[in-house]
C-alpha cells in the first residue's frame, strides 16, 4: 500500500455516551485514560470485519464494565491523526441494560475488561461537570446533543427495527411454494450477522412473517436471545397483496407498544411498512427514511428510535445498517 493510500484510509471508531438520571439530574459516564491523561467517552477502534454498532457496545463494556443498550445516534467526530489518516468516531446515546433487555444481552459474547493501563478510572458525572472535565473540545458536541434531547423529552427511546429477510433462493429455482423458499448461503450468513446488531438495540421481541426466509433470518437472534418469534400472517407477501391494510395495522400496533422489538418482512411489504412509519415520524426526520424501492436490501435493517408513552409513539431518529457477514 502506498503512503498516499494509507493516508486516505479512514480509521473508524465507535462508542457511546452512557446516561442516567439521578435525583432529577442528568448524568453521563466518563473514562480516564492514563496514557493521554484525559477524560473522554468510552470508545475505540473497530476490529477487522467488525460492524460499527457491535464495536460501540463492545468498547463500552470493555472500558466501563457495563452492558448497555444503544439509543439514538449522536453527532460523531472527524479529525486527522498524526500519521495523516482521517479518523471518524461514531457515537450513540446508551443506557445500562435493565431486566427487560436481558434477552438482548444474553445474545452477546462476553467482553474482556480493559487494563488499567488503558482505563484507570470511570466516573458518573452531572453533565455540567462532564462538560468541564472533557479534555477534547469536540467531545462536547455529542454531549450538547444529548442534553438537548433530554431537555425536550426525546432522549429515552425504544427501538423498532424493520428487517428485510436475507438473500433467498430465486423464485425461478424453487418449485415448492413461496412460503418455503429458503435462504441462500449468503442469506444465512446475513442472518447470523444480524445477531449483534439486534442485540445492541435491546430487541426483546421479534415479530415475523411466518414464511421460511423471514423466520430463518431472525432465527439466529431468537435462539441466541432465548426468544420465541411471533408469527404474523399479514407480514407475508400473499396476505399483504390481499389487503395491505392488515400489515399497516400490524406495524402501527407494534409502534405503539413500549417494547424494543424487531419485525421481519418481505420487499413487497416494505412500502406499506414505510408509509406507516412515516406517519409517526417527525417532519425533520422523514428525509432520513428510505424513499424508494427496494427501501432495504436483503438483510438490511431500519432502526427507528421511538419516544412517547405506549399508544402515542413518535419516531425521533432513524438509521439504516447492513450486516457484515
Protein backbone atom coordinates (compact mmCIF):
# COMPACT_ATOMS: atom_id res chain seq x y z
CA UNK A 1 0.00 0.00 0.00
CA UNK A 2 1.38 3.41 -0.94
CA UNK A 3 1.83 6.19 1.58
CA UNK A 4 -0.87 8.24 -0.16
CA UNK A 5 -3.35 5.35 0.00
CA UNK A 6 -2.58 4.75 3.68
CA UNK A 7 -3.10 8.43 4.39
CA UNK A 8 -6.59 8.25 2.87
CA UNK A 9 -7.67 5.15 4.78
CA UNK A 10 -10.29 6.17 7.32
CA UNK A 11 -9.77 4.83 10.84
CA UNK A 12 -13.25 4.00 12.13
CA UNK A 13 -14.07 4.07 15.84
CA UNK A 14 -17.26 3.85 17.89
CA UNK A 15 -18.50 4.47 21.39
CA UNK A 16 -21.39 5.78 23.43
CA UNK A 17 -22.50 8.40 25.89
CA UNK A 18 -23.93 6.27 28.69
CA UNK A 19 -26.51 8.30 30.61
CA UNK A 20 -28.83 8.07 33.59
CA UNK A 21 -30.98 10.39 35.71
CA UNK A 22 -30.35 10.57 39.45
CA UNK A 23 -32.43 12.82 41.72
CA UNK A 24 -33.64 14.69 38.68
CA UNK A 25 -30.13 15.34 37.35
CA UNK A 26 -28.84 14.04 34.03
CA UNK A 27 -25.54 12.22 34.44
CA UNK A 28 -23.08 10.68 31.99
CA UNK A 29 -20.21 8.22 32.34
CA UNK A 30 -16.66 9.34 31.51
CA UNK A 31 -13.42 7.37 31.38
CA UNK A 32 -9.89 8.49 32.26
CA UNK A 33 -7.02 7.34 30.03
CA UNK A 34 -3.71 7.46 31.88
CA UNK A 35 -1.67 7.32 28.67
CA UNK A 36 -3.20 10.58 27.47
CA UNK A 37 -4.12 11.94 30.92
CA UNK A 38 -7.53 12.87 29.61
CA UNK A 39 -11.24 12.36 30.30
CA UNK A 40 -13.29 11.17 27.36
CA UNK A 41 -16.19 9.00 26.27
CA UNK A 42 -15.78 5.21 26.20
CA UNK A 43 -14.85 4.38 22.61
CA UNK A 44 -12.34 2.51 20.48
CA UNK A 45 -11.35 1.39 17.02
CA UNK A 46 -13.28 -1.24 15.11
CA UNK A 47 -11.71 -4.67 14.97
CA UNK A 48 -11.15 -6.16 11.48
CA UNK A 49 -14.50 -7.08 9.95
CA UNK A 50 -16.45 -5.62 12.91
CA UNK A 51 -19.64 -3.62 12.44
CA UNK A 52 -19.63 -0.12 13.90
CA UNK A 53 -22.68 -0.94 16.04
CA UNK A 54 -21.02 -4.02 17.51
CA UNK A 55 -17.87 -2.03 18.23
CA UNK A 56 -19.77 0.66 20.13
CA UNK A 57 -21.33 -1.87 22.51
CA UNK A 58 -18.14 -3.88 22.92
CA UNK A 59 -15.97 -0.84 23.63
CA UNK A 60 -18.30 0.44 26.33
CA UNK A 61 -18.40 -2.93 28.04
CA UNK A 62 -14.63 -3.30 27.86
CA UNK A 63 -13.87 0.17 29.17
CA UNK A 64 -16.53 0.62 31.86
CA UNK A 65 -17.59 -2.96 32.61
CA UNK A 66 -21.29 -2.32 31.94
CA UNK A 67 -23.68 -3.95 29.46
CA UNK A 68 -25.57 -1.26 27.58
CA UNK A 69 -28.31 -0.85 25.02
CA UNK A 70 -27.86 1.77 22.34
CA UNK A 71 -30.37 4.54 21.83
CA UNK A 72 -30.49 7.38 19.34
CA UNK A 73 -27.37 8.29 17.33
CA UNK A 74 -25.42 11.38 18.37
CA UNK A 75 -23.07 13.65 16.42
CA UNK A 76 -19.77 11.96 15.67
CA UNK A 77 -16.28 13.37 15.31
CA UNK A 78 -13.83 13.53 12.42
CA UNK A 79 -10.21 14.57 12.74
CA UNK A 80 -6.78 13.79 11.34
CA UNK A 81 -4.31 11.52 13.11
CA UNK A 82 -0.64 12.34 13.45
CA UNK A 83 0.18 9.99 10.56
CA UNK A 84 -2.17 11.86 8.25
CA UNK A 85 -5.00 9.35 8.27
CA UNK A 86 -8.53 10.64 8.87
CA UNK A 87 -10.34 9.23 11.89
CA UNK A 88 -14.10 9.02 12.26
CA UNK A 89 -15.78 8.32 15.61
CA UNK A 90 -19.45 7.26 15.77
CA UNK A 91 -21.48 7.85 18.95
CA UNK A 92 -24.84 6.77 20.31
CA UNK A 93 -26.73 7.55 23.47
CA UNK A 94 -26.83 4.43 25.64
CA UNK A 95 -28.32 3.17 28.89
CA UNK A 96 -27.25 0.37 31.18
CA UNK A 97 -29.21 -2.75 30.27
CA UNK A 98 -32.04 -3.47 32.67
CA UNK A 99 -34.24 -6.50 33.22
CA UNK A 100 -36.33 -6.10 30.02
CA UNK A 101 -33.10 -6.03 27.99
CA UNK A 102 -31.65 -9.28 29.34
CA UNK A 103 -32.55 -11.40 26.27
CA UNK A 104 -30.55 -9.00 24.10
CA UNK A 105 -27.57 -9.10 26.45
CA UNK A 106 -27.77 -12.90 26.59
CA UNK A 107 -27.17 -12.94 22.81
CA UNK A 108 -23.74 -11.28 23.19
CA UNK A 109 -20.35 -12.82 23.77
CA UNK A 110 -18.59 -11.67 26.95
CA UNK A 111 -16.20 -8.74 26.60
CA UNK A 112 -12.80 -8.63 28.27
CA UNK A 113 -12.29 -5.69 30.63
CA UNK A 114 -9.71 -3.11 29.52
CA UNK A 115 -6.48 -2.99 31.51
CA UNK A 116 -5.80 -0.19 34.00
CA UNK A 117 -3.01 0.95 31.68
CA UNK A 118 -5.73 1.84 29.19
CA UNK A 119 -8.55 2.96 31.51
CA UNK A 120 -7.72 3.62 35.15
CA UNK A 121 -10.92 5.37 36.27
CA UNK A 122 -14.58 5.61 35.30
CA UNK A 123 -16.89 8.16 36.85
CA UNK A 124 -20.53 9.20 36.68
CA UNK A 125 -20.79 13.00 36.47
CA UNK A 126 -23.53 15.56 36.20
CA UNK A 127 -23.49 16.88 32.65
CA UNK A 128 -22.19 20.27 33.78
CA UNK A 129 -19.17 18.69 35.41
CA UNK A 130 -18.65 16.38 32.43
CA UNK A 131 -18.51 19.38 30.11
CA UNK A 132 -15.76 20.89 32.26
CA UNK A 133 -13.83 17.63 32.55
CA UNK A 134 -13.81 16.63 28.88
CA UNK A 135 -10.31 17.13 27.55
CA UNK A 136 -11.18 17.34 23.85
CA UNK A 137 -13.33 20.32 22.93
CA UNK A 138 -15.02 18.40 20.11
CA UNK A 139 -16.26 15.78 22.62
CA UNK A 140 -18.69 18.41 23.89
CA UNK A 141 -20.70 18.26 20.64
CA UNK A 142 -22.34 14.87 21.27
CA UNK A 143 -22.87 15.90 24.91
CA UNK A 144 -24.72 19.03 23.81
CA UNK A 145 -26.97 16.94 21.56
CA UNK A 146 -27.64 14.52 24.44
CA UNK A 147 -28.56 17.38 26.80
CA UNK A 148 -30.84 18.97 24.21
CA UNK A 149 -32.65 15.69 23.52
CA UNK A 150 -33.15 15.14 27.26
CA UNK A 151 -34.49 18.67 27.77
CA UNK A 152 -37.08 18.05 25.01
CA UNK A 153 -38.07 14.64 26.37
CA UNK A 154 -36.57 12.91 23.33
CA UNK A 155 -33.64 11.04 24.84
CA UNK A 156 -35.27 7.98 26.40
CA UNK A 157 -36.09 5.96 23.29
CA UNK A 158 -37.06 2.42 22.40
CA UNK A 159 -36.11 0.69 19.16
CA UNK A 160 -38.43 -0.63 16.47
CA UNK A 161 -36.20 -2.43 13.96
CA UNK A 162 -37.50 -3.28 10.50
CA UNK A 163 -35.65 -6.26 8.98
CA UNK A 164 -35.78 -7.31 5.36
CA UNK A 165 -35.12 -11.04 5.20
CA UNK A 166 -31.72 -12.22 3.97
CA UNK A 167 -30.97 -13.20 0.42
CA UNK A 168 -33.20 -16.09 -0.64
CA UNK A 169 -33.24 -18.66 -3.44
CA UNK A 170 -34.53 -17.22 -6.70
CA UNK A 171 -38.21 -17.82 -7.32
CA UNK A 172 -37.44 -19.46 -10.68
CA UNK A 173 -35.25 -22.09 -9.00
CA UNK A 174 -37.76 -23.11 -6.30
CA UNK A 175 -40.78 -25.29 -7.11
CA UNK A 176 -42.17 -25.89 -3.62
CA UNK A 177 -44.14 -22.73 -2.97
CA UNK A 178 -43.27 -19.24 -1.77
CA UNK A 179 -43.87 -20.00 1.90
CA UNK A 180 -40.98 -22.48 1.98
CA UNK A 181 -38.43 -20.72 -0.30
CA UNK A 182 -35.21 -20.80 1.75
CA UNK A 183 -32.26 -18.51 2.30
CA UNK A 184 -29.11 -18.91 0.26
CA UNK A 185 -25.74 -19.38 1.93
CA UNK A 186 -25.30 -15.60 1.73
CA UNK A 187 -28.69 -15.11 3.36
CA UNK A 188 -27.74 -17.49 6.15
CA UNK A 189 -24.56 -15.51 6.81
CA UNK A 190 -26.57 -12.28 6.81
CA UNK A 191 -28.93 -13.80 9.38
CA UNK A 192 -26.04 -14.68 11.69
CA UNK A 193 -24.56 -11.21 11.25
CA UNK A 194 -27.83 -9.63 12.44
CA UNK A 195 -27.41 -11.07 15.93
CA UNK A 196 -25.06 -8.42 17.38
CA UNK A 197 -27.00 -5.60 15.73
CA UNK A 198 -30.37 -6.61 17.16
CA UNK A 199 -28.68 -7.23 20.50
CA UNK A 200 -27.10 -3.77 20.52
CA UNK A 201 -30.53 -2.14 20.24
CA UNK A 202 -32.02 -4.27 23.01
CA UNK A 203 -34.52 -6.20 20.91
CA UNK A 204 -36.70 -8.16 23.33
CA UNK A 205 -39.49 -9.22 20.97
CA UNK A 206 -39.40 -10.47 17.38
CA UNK A 207 -42.43 -10.42 15.08
CA UNK A 208 -42.02 -12.06 11.68
CA UNK A 209 -43.70 -13.23 8.56
CA UNK A 210 -44.08 -17.00 9.09
CA UNK A 211 -42.58 -17.73 5.66
CA UNK A 212 -39.31 -19.64 5.87
CA UNK A 213 -36.96 -16.96 4.60
CA UNK A 214 -38.14 -14.48 7.24
CA UNK A 215 -38.23 -16.98 10.10
CA UNK A 216 -34.76 -18.22 9.17
CA UNK A 217 -33.44 -14.65 9.07
CA UNK A 218 -34.39 -13.96 12.69
CA UNK A 219 -33.76 -17.49 13.98
CA UNK A 220 -30.08 -16.97 14.93
CA UNK A 221 -31.04 -13.99 17.08
CA UNK A 222 -34.11 -15.52 18.73
CA UNK A 223 -32.09 -18.64 19.51
CA UNK A 224 -29.19 -16.67 20.99
CA UNK A 225 -31.53 -14.42 22.98
CA UNK A 226 -33.84 -17.22 24.15
CA UNK A 227 -36.89 -15.66 22.50
CA UNK A 228 -39.84 -17.26 20.73
CA UNK A 229 -40.61 -15.42 17.46
CA UNK A 230 -44.18 -14.29 16.94
CA UNK A 231 -45.61 -15.22 13.54
CA UNK A 232 -47.76 -12.55 11.91
CA UNK A 233 -49.55 -13.60 8.72
CA UNK A 234 -50.27 -10.02 7.50
CA UNK A 235 -46.49 -9.57 7.07
CA UNK A 236 -46.38 -12.24 4.32
CA UNK A 237 -46.39 -11.26 0.66
CA UNK A 238 -49.62 -13.14 -0.07
CA UNK A 239 -51.65 -11.64 2.77
CA UNK A 240 -50.27 -8.19 2.02
CA UNK A 241 -51.35 -8.49 -1.60
CA UNK A 242 -54.86 -9.44 -0.48
CA UNK A 243 -55.13 -6.49 1.90
CA UNK A 244 -52.21 -4.20 2.79
CA UNK A 245 -54.32 -2.60 5.49
CA UNK A 246 -53.74 -5.63 7.70
CA UNK A 247 -49.96 -5.21 7.51
CA UNK A 248 -50.38 -1.50 8.16
CA UNK A 249 -52.41 -2.24 11.28
CA UNK A 250 -49.70 -4.64 12.50
CA UNK A 251 -46.95 -2.03 12.06
CA UNK A 252 -48.98 0.68 13.78
CA UNK A 253 -49.70 -1.65 16.69
CA UNK A 254 -46.02 -2.53 17.05
CA UNK A 255 -45.01 1.13 17.05
CA UNK A 256 -47.48 1.75 19.85
CA UNK A 257 -46.03 -0.91 22.14
CA UNK A 258 -43.47 0.00 24.77
CA UNK A 259 -41.08 -2.77 23.78
CA UNK A 260 -37.77 -2.82 21.91
CA UNK A 261 -38.66 -5.10 19.02
CA UNK A 262 -37.87 -6.23 15.50
CA UNK A 263 -40.24 -7.07 12.68
CA UNK A 264 -39.10 -9.10 9.68
CA UNK A 265 -40.88 -8.97 6.36
CA UNK A 266 -40.55 -9.02 2.56
CA UNK A 267 -39.67 -6.45 -0.09
CA UNK A 268 -43.27 -6.08 -1.43
CA UNK A 269 -44.50 -5.30 2.09
CA UNK A 270 -41.91 -2.59 2.80
CA UNK A 271 -43.79 0.29 1.08
CA UNK A 272 -46.68 -0.23 3.48
CA UNK A 273 -44.32 -0.52 6.45
CA UNK A 274 -42.58 2.73 5.48
CA UNK A 275 -45.90 4.52 4.89
CA UNK A 276 -46.99 3.76 8.44
CA UNK A 277 -43.64 4.68 9.98
CA UNK A 278 -43.64 7.98 8.08
CA UNK A 279 -46.95 8.91 9.68
CA UNK A 280 -45.36 8.65 13.13
CA UNK A 281 -42.04 10.29 12.22
CA UNK A 282 -41.11 13.90 12.95
CA UNK A 283 -41.03 16.03 9.81
CA UNK A 284 -37.33 16.84 10.16
CA UNK A 285 -36.51 13.10 10.36
CA UNK A 286 -38.58 11.95 7.37
CA UNK A 287 -35.86 12.72 4.79
CA UNK A 288 -33.69 10.13 6.55
CA UNK A 289 -36.17 7.34 5.81
CA UNK A 290 -35.60 5.13 2.74
CA UNK A 291 -37.57 6.74 -0.06
CA UNK A 292 -37.70 4.31 -2.99
CA UNK A 293 -37.95 0.65 -3.88
CA UNK A 294 -36.42 -1.66 -2.67
CA UNK A 295 -36.23 0.53 0.52
CA UNK A 296 -33.96 -2.07 2.17
CA UNK A 297 -31.56 -4.54 0.59
CA UNK A 298 -31.70 -8.20 1.66
CA UNK A 299 -30.59 -8.48 5.27
CA UNK A 300 -30.59 -4.74 5.90
CA UNK A 301 -32.29 -3.16 8.90
CA UNK A 302 -34.01 0.16 9.53
CA UNK A 303 -33.75 1.21 13.18
CA UNK A 304 -36.48 3.58 14.35
CA UNK A 305 -35.82 5.32 17.69
CA UNK A 306 -39.23 5.91 19.23
CA UNK A 307 -40.33 8.10 22.13
CA UNK A 308 -43.68 8.64 23.75
CA UNK A 309 -45.90 6.62 26.00
CA UNK A 310 -47.28 3.36 24.63
CA UNK A 311 -50.11 4.31 22.31
CA UNK A 312 -48.57 7.69 21.43
CA UNK A 313 -45.32 6.95 19.55
CA UNK A 314 -43.07 9.43 17.79
CA UNK A 315 -40.06 8.40 15.70
CA UNK A 316 -37.25 10.75 16.73
CA UNK A 317 -34.38 9.32 14.66
CA UNK A 318 -33.74 6.57 12.14
CA UNK A 319 -30.66 4.77 10.86
CA UNK A 320 -30.08 2.05 8.28
CA UNK A 321 -27.45 -0.66 8.73
CA UNK A 322 -26.13 -3.54 6.66
CA UNK A 323 -24.81 -6.63 8.47
CA UNK A 324 -21.25 -7.66 7.73
CA UNK A 325 -21.34 -11.45 7.17
